[in-house]
Amino acid sequence: MDFAIGGVAVVALVVGIVEAAKRFGLKGKACEGVALALGMVFVALAYGMAEGLIPAVATPYITWAVVAIFGGLAIGFAATGHYDLLKRLLGPFDLVELEGEVEVVEGEE
């Protein structure tokens, strides 16, 4: 059985949420517990939606929520990843914006 909600794989959704929790300070066994709990919840939702156990009137809202959560996580991770990458690439330089123009100056260390 394909465990997906709104075209989003449950595995990717759980990994994304656990990674977000790690960025907020969750560590060790707590990460495993969160991953297991989320996995059970999302698999139960996916199975219930696929087998018609969840009323059809609720499935669009569940799908919307899952896609919104996963989309938000994906965009957030992409934004922070780009920021970290640029920070690493520029090294000791800082970008300073002066009246609409960007100027590269050597950073203070």
Protein backbone atom coordinates (compact mmCIF):
# COMPACT_ATOMS: atom_id res chain seq x y z
CA MET A 1 0.00 0.00 0.00
CA ASP A 2 1.20 3.49 -0.86
CA PHE A 3 1.10 5.62 2.27
CA ALA A 4 0.58 9.16 1.01
CA ILE A 5 -1.75 11.99 1.89
CA GLY A 6 -2.44 14.55 -0.80
CA GLY A 7 0.42 13.18 -2.88
CA VAL A 8 2.87 13.68 -0.01
CA ALA A 9 4.61 10.52 1.18
CA VAL A 10 4.11 9.91 4.89
CA VAL A 11 7.83 9.14 5.27
CA ALA A 12 8.84 12.54 3.87
CA LEU A 13 6.27 14.28 6.06
CA VAL A 14 7.52 12.60 9.24
CA VAL A 15 11.18 13.28 8.38
CA GLY A 16 10.39 16.94 7.70
CA ILE A 17 8.52 17.45 10.95
CA VAL A 18 11.17 15.66 13.03
CA GLU A 19 13.93 17.73 11.39
CA ALA A 20 12.00 20.89 12.23
CA ALA A 21 11.67 19.70 15.83
CA LYS A 22 15.43 19.08 15.96
CA ARG A 23 16.07 22.66 14.86
CA PHE A 24 13.97 23.80 17.81
CA GLY A 25 16.09 21.75 20.22
CA LEU A 26 14.52 18.28 20.37
CA LYS A 27 17.24 15.66 20.92
CA GLY A 28 17.90 11.96 21.37
CA LYS A 29 15.15 9.52 22.24
CA ALA A 30 12.52 12.26 22.07
CA CYS A 31 13.13 12.51 18.30
CA GLU A 32 12.52 8.78 17.94
CA GLY A 33 9.34 9.01 19.98
CA VAL A 34 8.03 11.91 17.89
CA ALA A 35 8.89 10.06 14.67
CA LEU A 36 7.08 6.90 15.83
CA ALA A 37 4.00 8.80 17.00
CA LEU A 38 3.77 10.89 13.83
CA GLY A 39 4.31 7.81 11.69
CA MET A 40 1.44 6.01 13.37
CA VAL A 41 -0.88 9.02 13.10
CA PHE A 42 -0.12 9.73 9.44
CA VAL A 43 -0.28 6.07 8.39
CA ALA A 44 -3.62 5.75 10.17
CA LEU A 45 -4.88 8.85 8.34
CA ALA A 46 -3.59 7.61 4.97
CA TYR A 47 -5.10 4.16 5.49
CA GLY A 48 -8.39 5.59 6.72
CA MET A 49 -8.66 7.90 3.73
CA ALA A 50 -7.72 5.17 1.23
CA GLU A 51 -10.18 2.62 2.67
CA GLY A 52 -13.05 5.06 3.13
CA LEU A 53 -12.96 4.80 6.92
CA ILE A 54 -12.71 8.57 7.22
CA PRO A 55 -15.79 10.36 5.86
CA ALA A 56 -15.27 11.76 2.38
CA VAL A 57 -16.31 15.20 3.57
CA ALA A 58 -13.22 15.37 5.85
CA THR A 59 -10.57 14.17 3.39
CA PRO A 60 -10.11 17.49 1.52
CA TYR A 61 -9.40 19.24 4.82
CA ILE A 62 -6.94 16.59 5.93
CA THR A 63 -5.21 16.72 2.55
CA TRP A 64 -5.06 20.51 2.69
CA ALA A 65 -3.54 20.49 6.19
CA VAL A 66 -0.89 17.90 5.27
CA VAL A 67 0.11 19.71 2.08
CA ALA A 68 0.21 23.06 3.91
CA ILE A 69 2.41 21.63 6.68
CA PHE A 70 4.76 19.86 4.29
CA GLY A 71 4.87 22.81 1.88
CA GLY A 72 5.64 25.18 4.72
CA LEU A 73 8.41 22.95 6.00
CA ALA A 74 9.91 22.54 2.53
CA ILE A 75 9.92 26.28 1.88
CA GLY A 76 11.26 27.02 5.36
CA PHE A 77 14.08 24.50 5.04
CA ALA A 78 14.95 25.80 1.58
CA ALA A 79 15.10 29.38 2.85
CA THR A 80 17.29 28.55 5.85
CA GLY A 81 19.48 26.31 3.71
CA HIS A 82 20.06 29.08 1.18
CA TYR A 83 20.86 31.52 3.99
CA ASP A 84 23.37 29.12 5.55
CA LEU A 85 24.94 28.36 2.16
CA LEU A 86 25.38 32.04 1.31
CA LYS A 87 26.79 32.72 4.75
CA ARG A 88 29.36 29.93 4.27
CA LEU A 89 30.25 30.97 0.71
CA LEU A 90 30.71 34.66 1.51
CA GLY A 91 32.87 33.84 4.51
CA PRO A 92 34.22 37.04 6.05
CA PHE A 93 32.16 39.29 3.75
CA ASP A 94 28.85 40.90 4.61
CA LEU A 95 26.25 42.20 2.18
CA VAL A 96 25.20 45.75 2.93
CA GLU A 97 22.30 47.38 1.11
CA LEU A 98 22.66 51.11 0.53
CA GLU A 99 19.73 52.86 -1.19
CA GLY A 100 18.80 49.87 -3.33
CA GLU A 101 22.37 48.91 -4.25
CA VAL A 102 24.17 45.96 -2.72
CA GLU A 103 27.74 46.50 -1.65
CA VAL A 104 30.13 43.80 -0.47
CA VAL A 105 32.22 44.84 2.52
CA GLU A 106 34.73 42.92 4.55
CA GLY A 107 33.16 41.67 7.75
CA GLU A 108 34.45 42.26 11.24
CA GLU A 109 35.95 39.28 12.99
